[in-house]
Amino acid sequence: MANEFYEQVYALVRLIPKGKVCSYGVIAEALGKFGAARQVGYALNKCPIDLPAHRVVNRKGNLSGKLNFGDDNMQKLLEAEGISVKNDQIVNFEQHFWDPIKELEI
């Protein structure tokens, strides 16, 4: 069973709108865990299958969670939501970035 931090990560990831992405570090920061980007990654590595974890990328917009999805599934899921990906990187990353700290006024 996931610990409380993992559950908090999952709850926040569920709020990422379709067509938007967030980063591991910003999720950690929004949860008050500065510098815990890797722990967010560990949580997503063990996440429920219905979690939209494909919407979480690294701080540069790179598809760093591909191991969890297979070779190109992460890209396919993002592209199905209208996000272009080229060379494993989100095209126009800033345009697609969702910041829970600003959006939810955390």
PDB file of N, CA and C in Angstrom:
ATOM      1  N   MET A   1       0.845  -1.191   0.000  1.00  0.00           N
ATOM      2  CA  MET A   1       0.000   0.000   0.000  1.00  0.00           C
ATOM      3  C   MET A   1       0.882   1.243   0.000  1.00  0.00           C
ATOM      4  N   ALA A   2       0.468   2.227  -0.757  1.00  0.00           N
ATOM      5  CA  ALA A   2       1.259   3.450  -0.886  1.00  0.00           C
ATOM      6  C   ALA A   2       1.192   4.256   0.402  1.00  0.00           C
ATOM      7  N   ASN A   3       2.259   4.988   0.662  1.00  0.00           N
ATOM      8  CA  ASN A   3       2.259   5.820   1.854  1.00  0.00           C
ATOM      9  C   ASN A   3       1.483   7.108   1.599  1.00  0.00           C
ATOM     10  N   GLU A   4       1.355   7.931   2.604  1.00  0.00           N
ATOM     11  CA  GLU A   4       0.564   9.165   2.511  1.00  0.00           C
ATOM     12  C   GLU A   4       1.087  10.104   1.431  1.00  0.00           C
ATOM     13  N   PHE A   5       2.401  10.221   1.307  1.00  0.00           N
ATOM     14  CA  PHE A   5       2.966  11.087   0.265  1.00  0.00           C
ATOM     15  C   PHE A   5       2.561  10.597  -1.120  1.00  0.00           C
ATOM     16  N   TYR A   6       2.632   9.302  -1.341  1.00  0.00           N
ATOM     17  CA  TYR A   6       2.230   8.755  -2.634  1.00  0.00           C
ATOM     18  C   TYR A   6       0.775   9.099  -2.930  1.00  0.00           C
ATOM     19  N   GLU A   7      -0.085   8.961  -1.949  1.00  0.00           N
ATOM     20  CA  GLU A   7      -1.502   9.277  -2.136  1.00  0.00           C
ATOM     21  C   GLU A   7      -1.695  10.765  -2.469  1.00  0.00           C
ATOM     22  N   GLN A   8      -0.890  11.627  -1.848  1.00  0.00           N
ATOM     23  CA  GLN A   8      -0.963  13.057  -2.154  1.00  0.00           C
ATOM     24  C   GLN A   8      -0.519  13.319  -3.594  1.00  0.00           C
ATOM     25  N   VAL A   9       0.532  12.635  -4.017  1.00  0.00           N
ATOM     26  CA  VAL A   9       1.004  12.756  -5.400  1.00  0.00           C
ATOM     27  C   VAL A   9      -0.108  12.328  -6.355  1.00  0.00           C
ATOM     28  N   TYR A  10      -0.719  11.190  -6.092  1.00  0.00           N
ATOM     29  CA  TYR A  10      -1.764  10.677  -6.968  1.00  0.00           C
ATOM     30  C   TYR A  10      -2.946  11.647  -7.049  1.00  0.00           C
ATOM     31  N   ALA A  11      -3.321  12.203  -5.914  1.00  0.00           N
ATOM     32  CA  ALA A  11      -4.448  13.148  -5.895  1.00  0.00           C
ATOM     33  C   ALA A  11      -4.138  14.376  -6.747  1.00  0.00           C
ATOM     34  N   LEU A  12      -2.920  14.868  -6.663  1.00  0.00           N
ATOM     35  CA  LEU A  12      -2.542  16.058  -7.432  1.00  0.00           C
ATOM     36  C   LEU A  12      -2.424  15.731  -8.924  1.00  0.00           C
ATOM     37  N   VAL A  13      -1.862  14.599  -9.255  1.00  0.00           N
ATOM     38  CA  VAL A  13      -1.722  14.209 -10.662  1.00  0.00           C
ATOM     39  C   VAL A  13      -3.104  14.046 -11.309  1.00  0.00           C
ATOM     40  N   ARG A  14      -4.070  13.580 -10.554  1.00  0.00           N
ATOM     41  CA  ARG A  14      -5.429  13.446 -11.092  1.00  0.00           C
ATOM     42  C   ARG A  14      -6.034  14.798 -11.486  1.00  0.00           C
ATOM     43  N   LEU A  15      -5.509  15.882 -10.948  1.00  0.00           N
ATOM     44  CA  LEU A  15      -6.025  17.220 -11.237  1.00  0.00           C
ATOM     45  C   LEU A  15      -5.422  17.844 -12.496  1.00  0.00           C
ATOM     46  N   ILE A  16      -4.362  17.248 -13.023  1.00  0.00           N
ATOM     47  CA  ILE A  16      -3.735  17.805 -14.230  1.00  0.00           C
ATOM     48  C   ILE A  16      -4.731  17.663 -15.380  1.00  0.00           C
ATOM     49  N   PRO A  17      -5.131  18.782 -15.985  1.00  0.00           N
ATOM     50  CA  PRO A  17      -6.127  18.709 -17.061  1.00  0.00           C
ATOM     51  C   PRO A  17      -5.591  18.013 -18.315  1.00  0.00           C
ATOM     52  N   LYS A  18      -6.498  17.442 -19.094  1.00  0.00           N
ATOM     53  CA  LYS A  18      -6.115  16.881 -20.390  1.00  0.00           C
ATOM     54  C   LYS A  18      -5.493  17.993 -21.218  1.00  0.00           C
ATOM     55  N   GLY A  19      -4.447  17.638 -21.952  1.00  0.00           N
ATOM     56  CA  GLY A  19      -3.768  18.613 -22.789  1.00  0.00           C
ATOM     57  C   GLY A  19      -2.755  19.459 -22.046  1.00  0.00           C
ATOM     58  N   LYS A  20      -2.514  19.129 -20.779  1.00  0.00           N
ATOM     59  CA  LYS A  20      -1.537  19.854 -19.963  1.00  0.00           C
ATOM     60  C   LYS A  20      -0.557  18.859 -19.358  1.00  0.00           C
ATOM     61  N   VAL A  21       0.598  19.354 -18.955  1.00  0.00           N
ATOM     62  CA  VAL A  21       1.599  18.541 -18.275  1.00  0.00           C
ATOM     63  C   VAL A  21       2.128  19.298 -17.067  1.00  0.00           C
ATOM     64  N   CYS A  22       2.736  18.574 -16.177  1.00  0.00           N
ATOM     65  CA  CYS A  22       3.378  19.158 -15.002  1.00  0.00           C
ATOM     66  C   CYS A  22       4.714  18.433 -14.816  1.00  0.00           C
ATOM     67  N   SER A  23       5.564  18.970 -13.965  1.00  0.00           N
ATOM     68  CA  SER A  23       6.859  18.335 -13.723  1.00  0.00           C
ATOM     69  C   SER A  23       6.903  17.695 -12.343  1.00  0.00           C
ATOM     70  N   TYR A  24       7.795  16.752 -12.205  1.00  0.00           N
ATOM     71  CA  TYR A  24       7.987  16.069 -10.928  1.00  0.00           C
ATOM     72  C   TYR A  24       8.292  17.068  -9.812  1.00  0.00           C
ATOM     73  N   GLY A  25       9.194  18.002 -10.108  1.00  0.00           N
ATOM     74  CA  GLY A  25       9.612  18.969  -9.098  1.00  0.00           C
ATOM     75  C   GLY A  25       8.508  19.898  -8.659  1.00  0.00           C
ATOM     76  N   VAL A  26       7.691  20.354  -9.592  1.00  0.00           N
ATOM     77  CA  VAL A  26       6.594  21.252  -9.234  1.00  0.00           C
ATOM     78  C   VAL A  26       5.541  20.510  -8.418  1.00  0.00           C
ATOM     79  N   ILE A  27       5.304  19.254  -8.736  1.00  0.00           N
ATOM     80  CA  ILE A  27       4.378  18.462  -7.920  1.00  0.00           C
ATOM     81  C   ILE A  27       4.909  18.356  -6.495  1.00  0.00           C
ATOM     82  N   ALA A  28       6.188  18.054  -6.364  1.00  0.00           N
ATOM     83  CA  ALA A  28       6.792  17.966  -5.030  1.00  0.00           C
ATOM     84  C   ALA A  28       6.670  19.296  -4.295  1.00  0.00           C
ATOM     85  N   GLU A  29       6.988  20.385  -4.982  1.00  0.00           N
ATOM     86  CA  GLU A  29       6.915  21.707  -4.368  1.00  0.00           C
ATOM     87  C   GLU A  29       5.482  22.031  -3.938  1.00  0.00           C
ATOM     88  N   ALA A  30       4.517  21.716  -4.772  1.00  0.00           N
ATOM     89  CA  ALA A  30       3.110  21.985  -4.446  1.00  0.00           C
ATOM     90  C   ALA A  30       2.669  21.213  -3.201  1.00  0.00           C
ATOM     91  N   LEU A  31       3.314  20.086  -2.960  1.00  0.00           N
ATOM     92  CA  LEU A  31       2.996  19.274  -1.785  1.00  0.00           C
ATOM     93  C   LEU A  31       3.856  19.639  -0.575  1.00  0.00           C
ATOM     94  N   GLY A  32       4.653  20.703  -0.721  1.00  0.00           N
ATOM     95  CA  GLY A  32       5.492  21.153   0.381  1.00  0.00           C
ATOM     96  C   GLY A  32       6.736  20.317   0.596  1.00  0.00           C
ATOM     97  N   LYS A  33       7.130  19.561  -0.413  1.00  0.00           N
ATOM     98  CA  LYS A  33       8.300  18.675  -0.320  1.00  0.00           C
ATOM     99  C   LYS A  33       9.362  19.127  -1.318  1.00  0.00           C
ATOM    100  N   PHE A  34       9.947  20.290  -1.072  1.00  0.00           N
ATOM    101  CA  PHE A  34      10.965  20.848  -1.964  1.00  0.00           C
ATOM    102  C   PHE A  34      12.110  19.850  -2.128  1.00  0.00           C
ATOM    103  N   GLY A  35      12.539  19.667  -3.354  1.00  0.00           N
ATOM    104  CA  GLY A  35      13.648  18.764  -3.635  1.00  0.00           C
ATOM    105  C   GLY A  35      13.266  17.292  -3.664  1.00  0.00           C
ATOM    106  N   ALA A  36      11.978  16.998  -3.696  1.00  0.00           N
ATOM    107  CA  ALA A  36      11.540  15.601  -3.654  1.00  0.00           C
ATOM    108  C   ALA A  36      11.040  15.116  -5.017  1.00  0.00           C
ATOM    109  N   ALA A  37      11.591  15.664  -6.099  1.00  0.00           N
ATOM    110  CA  ALA A  37      11.158  15.265  -7.435  1.00  0.00           C
ATOM    111  C   ALA A  37      11.337  13.760  -7.653  1.00  0.00           C
ATOM    112  N   ARG A  38      12.422  13.214  -7.181  1.00  0.00           N
ATOM    113  CA  ARG A  38      12.651  11.772  -7.362  1.00  0.00           C
ATOM    114  C   ARG A  38      11.617  10.936  -6.627  1.00  0.00           C
ATOM    115  N   GLN A  39      11.217  11.406  -5.451  1.00  0.00           N
ATOM    116  CA  GLN A  39      10.190  10.663  -4.714  1.00  0.00           C
ATOM    117  C   GLN A  39       8.858  10.685  -5.467  1.00  0.00           C
ATOM    118  N   VAL A  40       8.572  11.802  -6.148  1.00  0.00           N
ATOM    119  CA  VAL A  40       7.373  11.857  -6.986  1.00  0.00           C
ATOM    120  C   VAL A  40       7.502  10.805  -8.091  1.00  0.00           C
ATOM    121  N   GLY A  41       8.674  10.713  -8.688  1.00  0.00           N
ATOM    122  CA  GLY A  41       8.913   9.699  -9.710  1.00  0.00           C
ATOM    123  C   GLY A  41       8.736   8.292  -9.176  1.00  0.00           C
ATOM    124  N   TYR A  42       9.237   8.049  -7.959  1.00  0.00           N
ATOM    125  CA  TYR A  42       9.065   6.727  -7.349  1.00  0.00           C
ATOM    126  C   TYR A  42       7.585   6.426  -7.136  1.00  0.00           C
ATOM    127  N   ALA A  43       6.834   7.436  -6.692  1.00  0.00           N
ATOM    128  CA  ALA A  43       5.391   7.256  -6.481  1.00  0.00           C
ATOM    129  C   ALA A  43       4.705   6.902  -7.797  1.00  0.00           C
ATOM    130  N   LEU A  44       5.072   7.602  -8.862  1.00  0.00           N
ATOM    131  CA  LEU A  44       4.432   7.349 -10.151  1.00  0.00           C
ATOM    132  C   LEU A  44       4.837   6.008 -10.733  1.00  0.00           C
ATOM    133  N   ASN A  45       6.000   5.519 -10.336  1.00  0.00           N
ATOM    134  CA  ASN A  45       6.433   4.198 -10.781  1.00  0.00           C
ATOM    135  C   ASN A  45       5.537   3.098 -10.198  1.00  0.00           C
ATOM    136  N   LYS A  46       4.873   3.420  -9.097  1.00  0.00           N
ATOM    137  CA  LYS A  46       4.007   2.444  -8.420  1.00  0.00           C
ATOM    138  C   LYS A  46       2.541   2.874  -8.451  1.00  0.00           C
ATOM    139  N   CYS A  47       2.189   3.737  -9.376  1.00  0.00           N
ATOM    140  CA  CYS A  47       0.852   4.341  -9.370  1.00  0.00           C
ATOM    141  C   CYS A  47      -0.223   3.408  -9.909  1.00  0.00           C
ATOM    142  N   PRO A  48      -1.482   3.715  -9.540  1.00  0.00           N
ATOM    143  CA  PRO A  48      -2.610   2.959 -10.099  1.00  0.00           C
ATOM    144  C   PRO A  48      -2.663   3.115 -11.613  1.00  0.00           C
ATOM    145  N   ILE A  49      -3.165   2.121 -12.287  1.00  0.00           N
ATOM    146  CA  ILE A  49      -3.173   2.102 -13.747  1.00  0.00           C
ATOM    147  C   ILE A  49      -4.019   3.225 -14.346  1.00  0.00           C
ATOM    148  N   ASP A  50      -5.029   3.687 -13.623  1.00  0.00           N
ATOM    149  CA  ASP A  50      -5.919   4.717 -14.159  1.00  0.00           C
ATOM    150  C   ASP A  50      -5.416   6.142 -13.926  1.00  0.00           C
ATOM    151  N   LEU A  51      -4.269   6.289 -13.306  1.00  0.00           N
ATOM    152  CA  LEU A  51      -3.707   7.616 -13.044  1.00  0.00           C
ATOM    153  C   LEU A  51      -3.107   8.189 -14.331  1.00  0.00           C
ATOM    154  N   PRO A  52      -3.377   9.461 -14.661  1.00  0.00           N
ATOM    155  CA  PRO A  52      -2.813  10.044 -15.885  1.00  0.00           C
ATOM    156  C   PRO A  52      -1.348  10.464 -15.695  1.00  0.00           C
ATOM    157  N   ALA A  53      -0.533   9.508 -15.298  1.00  0.00           N
ATOM    158  CA  ALA A  53       0.880   9.772 -15.012  1.00  0.00           C
ATOM    159  C   ALA A  53       1.655  10.183 -16.254  1.00  0.00           C
ATOM    160  N   HIS A  54       1.105   9.923 -17.434  1.00  0.00           N
ATOM    161  CA  HIS A  54       1.776  10.331 -18.672  1.00  0.00           C
ATOM    162  C   HIS A  54       1.860  11.854 -18.775  1.00  0.00           C
ATOM    163  N   ARG A  55       1.106  12.570 -17.959  1.00  0.00           N
ATOM    164  CA  ARG A  55       1.112  14.036 -17.965  1.00  0.00           C
ATOM    165  C   ARG A  55       2.212  14.622 -17.087  1.00  0.00           C
ATOM    166  N   VAL A  56       3.052  13.783 -16.525  1.00  0.00           N
ATOM    167  CA  VAL A  56       4.150  14.256 -15.681  1.00  0.00           C
ATOM    168  C   VAL A  56       5.462  14.020 -16.427  1.00  0.00           C
ATOM    169  N   VAL A  57       6.199  15.104 -16.625  1.00  0.00           N
ATOM    170  CA  VAL A  57       7.455  15.077 -17.376  1.00  0.00           C
ATOM    171  C   VAL A  57       8.536  15.746 -16.545  1.00  0.00           C
ATOM    172  N   ASN A  58       9.748  15.742 -17.046  1.00  0.00           N
ATOM    173  CA  ASN A  58      10.800  16.403 -16.270  1.00  0.00           C
ATOM    174  C   ASN A  58      10.742  17.923 -16.466  1.00  0.00           C
ATOM    175  N   ARG A  59      11.573  18.640 -15.763  1.00  0.00           N
ATOM    176  CA  ARG A  59      11.502  20.109 -15.747  1.00  0.00           C
ATOM    177  C   ARG A  59      11.815  20.760 -17.088  1.00  0.00           C
ATOM    178  N   LYS A  60      12.374  19.996 -18.004  1.00  0.00           N
ATOM    179  CA  LYS A  60      12.687  20.527 -19.329  1.00  0.00           C
ATOM    180  C   LYS A  60      11.647  20.115 -20.374  1.00  0.00           C
ATOM    181  N   GLY A  61      10.640  19.354 -19.943  1.00  0.00           N
ATOM    182  CA  GLY A  61       9.616  18.896 -20.872  1.00  0.00           C
ATOM    183  C   GLY A  61       9.939  17.594 -21.560  1.00  0.00           C
ATOM    184  N   ASN A  62      10.935  16.885 -21.057  1.00  0.00           N
ATOM    185  CA  ASN A  62      11.309  15.596 -21.638  1.00  0.00           C
ATOM    186  C   ASN A  62      10.447  14.475 -21.077  1.00  0.00           C
ATOM    187  N   LEU A  63      10.179  13.489 -21.906  1.00  0.00           N
ATOM    188  CA  LEU A  63       9.392  12.330 -21.487  1.00  0.00           C
ATOM    189  C   LEU A  63      10.290  11.391 -20.695  1.00  0.00           C
ATOM    190  N   SER A  64      10.389  11.632 -19.422  1.00  0.00           N
ATOM    191  CA  SER A  64      11.305  10.861 -18.586  1.00  0.00           C
ATOM    192  C   SER A  64      10.635   9.661 -17.930  1.00  0.00           C
ATOM    193  N   GLY A  65       9.324   9.488 -18.111  1.00  0.00           N
ATOM    194  CA  GLY A  65       8.629   8.359 -17.510  1.00  0.00           C
ATOM    195  C   GLY A  65       8.360   7.233 -18.474  1.00  0.00           C
ATOM    196  N   LYS A  66       9.094   7.180 -19.556  1.00  0.00           N
ATOM    197  CA  LYS A  66       8.818   6.204 -20.607  1.00  0.00           C
ATOM    198  C   LYS A  66       8.924   4.757 -20.140  1.00  0.00           C
ATOM    199  N   LEU A  67       9.742   4.494 -19.142  1.00  0.00           N
ATOM    200  CA  LEU A  67       9.889   3.114 -18.672  1.00  0.00           C
ATOM    201  C   LEU A  67       8.570   2.569 -18.150  1.00  0.00           C
ATOM    202  N   ASN A  68       7.743   3.446 -17.609  1.00  0.00           N
ATOM    203  CA  ASN A  68       6.459   3.015 -17.057  1.00  0.00           C
ATOM    204  C   ASN A  68       5.422   2.750 -18.142  1.00  0.00           C
ATOM    205  N   PHE A  69       5.626   3.291 -19.332  1.00  0.00           N
ATOM    206  CA  PHE A  69       4.606   3.245 -20.363  1.00  0.00           C
ATOM    207  C   PHE A  69       4.988   2.411 -21.577  1.00  0.00           C
ATOM    208  N   GLY A  70       6.221   2.054 -21.716  1.00  0.00           N
ATOM    209  CA  GLY A  70       6.683   1.393 -22.926  1.00  0.00           C
ATOM    210  C   GLY A  70       7.318   2.420 -23.840  1.00  0.00           C
ATOM    211  N   ASP A  71       7.884   1.962 -24.932  1.00  0.00           N
ATOM    212  CA  ASP A  71       8.684   2.818 -25.798  1.00  0.00           C
ATOM    213  C   ASP A  71       7.998   4.092 -26.251  1.00  0.00           C
ATOM    214  N   ASP A  72       6.783   3.997 -26.776  1.00  0.00           N
ATOM    215  CA  ASP A  72       6.153   5.205 -27.303  1.00  0.00           C
ATOM    216  C   ASP A  72       4.738   5.440 -26.782  1.00  0.00           C
ATOM    217  N   ASN A  73       4.313   4.669 -25.790  1.00  0.00           N
ATOM    218  CA  ASN A  73       2.966   4.847 -25.251  1.00  0.00           C
ATOM    219  C   ASN A  73       2.773   6.201 -24.589  1.00  0.00           C
ATOM    220  N   MET A  74       3.758   6.691 -23.872  1.00  0.00           N
ATOM    221  CA  MET A  74       3.639   7.987 -23.224  1.00  0.00           C
ATOM    222  C   MET A  74       3.414   9.069 -24.280  1.00  0.00           C
ATOM    223  N   GLN A  75       4.191   9.006 -25.333  1.00  0.00           N
ATOM    224  CA  GLN A  75       4.046   9.963 -26.422  1.00  0.00           C
ATOM    225  C   GLN A  75       2.663   9.850 -27.066  1.00  0.00           C
ATOM    226  N   LYS A  76       2.206   8.640 -27.306  1.00  0.00           N
ATOM    227  CA  LYS A  76       0.893   8.436 -27.925  1.00  0.00           C
ATOM    228  C   LYS A  76      -0.229   8.991 -27.049  1.00  0.00           C
ATOM    229  N   LEU A  77      -0.133   8.765 -25.750  1.00  0.00           N
ATOM    230  CA  LEU A  77      -1.153   9.271 -24.836  1.00  0.00           C
ATOM    231  C   LEU A  77      -1.177  10.802 -24.836  1.00  0.00           C
ATOM    232  N   LEU A  78      -0.006  11.425 -24.824  1.00  0.00           N
ATOM    233  CA  LEU A  78       0.068  12.889 -24.853  1.00  0.00           C
ATOM    234  C   LEU A  78      -0.453  13.437 -26.180  1.00  0.00           C
ATOM    235  N   GLU A  79      -0.057  12.818 -27.271  1.00  0.00           N
ATOM    236  CA  GLU A  79      -0.501  13.282 -28.583  1.00  0.00           C
ATOM    237  C   GLU A  79      -2.009  13.135 -28.748  1.00  0.00           C
ATOM    238  N   ALA A  80      -2.598  12.121 -28.132  1.00  0.00           N
ATOM    239  CA  ALA A  80      -4.048  11.944 -28.178  1.00  0.00           C
ATOM    240  C   ALA A  80      -4.768  13.080 -27.455  1.00  0.00           C
ATOM    241  N   GLU A  81      -4.048  13.761 -26.575  1.00  0.00           N
ATOM    242  CA  GLU A  81      -4.604  14.907 -25.847  1.00  0.00           C
ATOM    243  C   GLU A  81      -4.236  16.234 -26.503  1.00  0.00           C
ATOM    244  N   GLY A  82      -3.615  16.172 -27.673  1.00  0.00           N
ATOM    245  CA  GLY A  82      -3.292  17.396 -28.403  1.00  0.00           C
ATOM    246  C   GLY A  82      -1.931  17.987 -28.110  1.00  0.00           C
ATOM    247  N   ILE A  83      -1.067  17.243 -27.447  1.00  0.00           N
ATOM    248  CA  ILE A  83       0.279  17.710 -27.126  1.00  0.00           C
ATOM    249  C   ILE A  83       1.258  17.111 -28.132  1.00  0.00           C
ATOM    250  N   SER A  84       1.976  17.957 -28.831  1.00  0.00           N
ATOM    251  CA  SER A  84       2.977  17.484 -29.789  1.00  0.00           C
ATOM    252  C   SER A  84       4.265  17.127 -29.064  1.00  0.00           C
ATOM    253  N   VAL A  85       4.871  16.044 -29.513  1.00  0.00           N
ATOM    254  CA  VAL A  85       6.131  15.575 -28.942  1.00  0.00           C
ATOM    255  C   VAL A  85       7.098  15.338 -30.087  1.00  0.00           C
ATOM    256  N   LYS A  86       8.307  15.856 -29.936  1.00  0.00           N
ATOM    257  CA  LYS A  86       9.349  15.638 -30.938  1.00  0.00           C
ATOM    258  C   LYS A  86      10.639  15.278 -30.209  1.00  0.00           C
ATOM    259  N   ASN A  87      11.247  14.184 -30.623  1.00  0.00           N
ATOM    260  CA  ASN A  87      12.488  13.712 -29.995  1.00  0.00           C
ATOM    261  C   ASN A  87      12.347  13.587 -28.481  1.00  0.00           C
ATOM    262  N   ASP A  88      11.235  13.009 -28.056  1.00  0.00           N
ATOM    263  CA  ASP A  88      10.949  12.770 -26.629  1.00  0.00           C
ATOM    264  C   ASP A  88      10.832  14.052 -25.805  1.00  0.00           C
ATOM    265  N   GLN A  89      10.478  15.152 -26.430  1.00  0.00           N
ATOM    266  CA  GLN A  89      10.314  16.415 -25.712  1.00  0.00           C
ATOM    267  C   GLN A  89       9.004  17.082 -26.136  1.00  0.00           C
ATOM    268  N   ILE A  90       8.314  17.668 -25.164  1.00  0.00           N
ATOM    269  CA  ILE A  90       7.066  18.386 -25.424  1.00  0.00           C
ATOM    270  C   ILE A  90       7.377  19.615 -26.280  1.00  0.00           C
ATOM    271  N   VAL A  91       6.661  19.761 -27.393  1.00  0.00           N
ATOM    272  CA  VAL A  91       6.786  20.943 -28.242  1.00  0.00           C
ATOM    273  C   VAL A  91       5.978  22.062 -27.576  1.00  0.00           C
ATOM    274  N   ASN A  92       6.549  23.247 -27.511  1.00  0.00           N
ATOM    275  CA  ASN A  92       5.894  24.376 -26.826  1.00  0.00           C
ATOM    276  C   ASN A  92       5.554  24.020 -25.380  1.00  0.00           C
ATOM    277  N   PHE A  93       6.540  23.527 -24.686  1.00  0.00           N
ATOM    278  CA  PHE A  93       6.378  23.048 -23.307  1.00  0.00           C
ATOM    279  C   PHE A  93       5.677  24.070 -22.418  1.00  0.00           C
ATOM    280  N   GLU A  94       6.092  25.320 -22.478  1.00  0.00           N
ATOM    281  CA  GLU A  94       5.527  26.353 -21.607  1.00  0.00           C
ATOM    282  C   GLU A  94       4.022  26.509 -21.837  1.00  0.00           C
ATOM    283  N   GLN A  95       3.600  26.359 -23.069  1.00  0.00           N
ATOM    284  CA  GLN A  95       2.188  26.492 -23.426  1.00  0.00           C
ATOM    285  C   GLN A  95       1.338  25.385 -22.795  1.00  0.00           C
ATOM    286  N   HIS A  96       1.914  24.227 -22.636  1.00  0.00           N
ATOM    287  CA  HIS A  96       1.181  23.074 -22.109  1.00  0.00           C
ATOM    288  C   HIS A  96       1.389  22.853 -20.617  1.00  0.00           C
ATOM    289  N   PHE A  97       2.238  23.671 -20.000  1.00  0.00           N
ATOM    290  CA  PHE A  97       2.577  23.445 -18.599  1.00  0.00           C
ATOM    291  C   PHE A  97       1.454  23.900 -17.676  1.00  0.00           C
ATOM    292  N   TRP A  98       1.098  23.045 -16.755  1.00  0.00           N
ATOM    293  CA  TRP A  98       0.082  23.336 -15.740  1.00  0.00           C
ATOM    294  C   TRP A  98       0.790  23.448 -14.399  1.00  0.00           C
ATOM    295  N   ASP A  99       0.648  24.586 -13.765  1.00  0.00           N
ATOM    296  CA  ASP A  99       1.301  24.832 -12.473  1.00  0.00           C
ATOM    297  C   ASP A  99       0.257  24.795 -11.361  1.00  0.00           C
ATOM    298  N   PRO A 100       0.223  23.730 -10.593  1.00  0.00           N
ATOM    299  CA  PRO A 100      -0.791  23.627  -9.544  1.00  0.00           C
ATOM    300  C   PRO A 100      -0.654  24.708  -8.475  1.00  0.00           C
ATOM    301  N   ILE A 101       0.545  25.220  -8.284  1.00  0.00           N
ATOM    302  CA  ILE A 101       0.756  26.250  -7.271  1.00  0.00           C
ATOM    303  C   ILE A 101      -0.005  27.525  -7.675  1.00  0.00           C
ATOM    304  N   LYS A 102       0.037  27.858  -8.944  1.00  0.00           N
ATOM    305  CA  LYS A 102      -0.695  29.026  -9.441  1.00  0.00           C
ATOM    306  C   LYS A 102      -2.160  28.728  -9.666  1.00  0.00           C
ATOM    307  N   GLU A 103      -2.456  27.601 -10.291  1.00  0.00           N
ATOM    308  CA  GLU A 103      -3.828  27.259 -10.654  1.00  0.00           C
ATOM    309  C   GLU A 103      -4.710  26.977  -9.435  1.00  0.00           C
ATOM    310  N   LEU A 104      -4.143  26.334  -8.434  1.00  0.00           N
ATOM    311  CA  LEU A 104      -4.906  25.976  -7.259  1.00  0.00           C
ATOM    312  C   LEU A 104      -4.648  26.921  -6.091  1.00  0.00           C
ATOM    313  N   GLU A 105      -3.780  27.901  -6.318  1.00  0.00           N
ATOM    314  CA  GLU A 105      -3.402  28.877  -5.285  1.00  0.00           C
ATOM    315  C   GLU A 105      -2.933  28.180  -4.001  1.00  0.00           C
ATOM    316  N   ILE A 106      -1.994  27.283  -4.203  1.00  0.00           N
ATOM    317  CA  ILE A 106      -1.428  26.526  -3.071  1.00  0.00           C
ATOM    318  C   ILE A 106      -0.378  27.381  -2.388  1.00  0.00           C
TER     319      ILE A 106
END
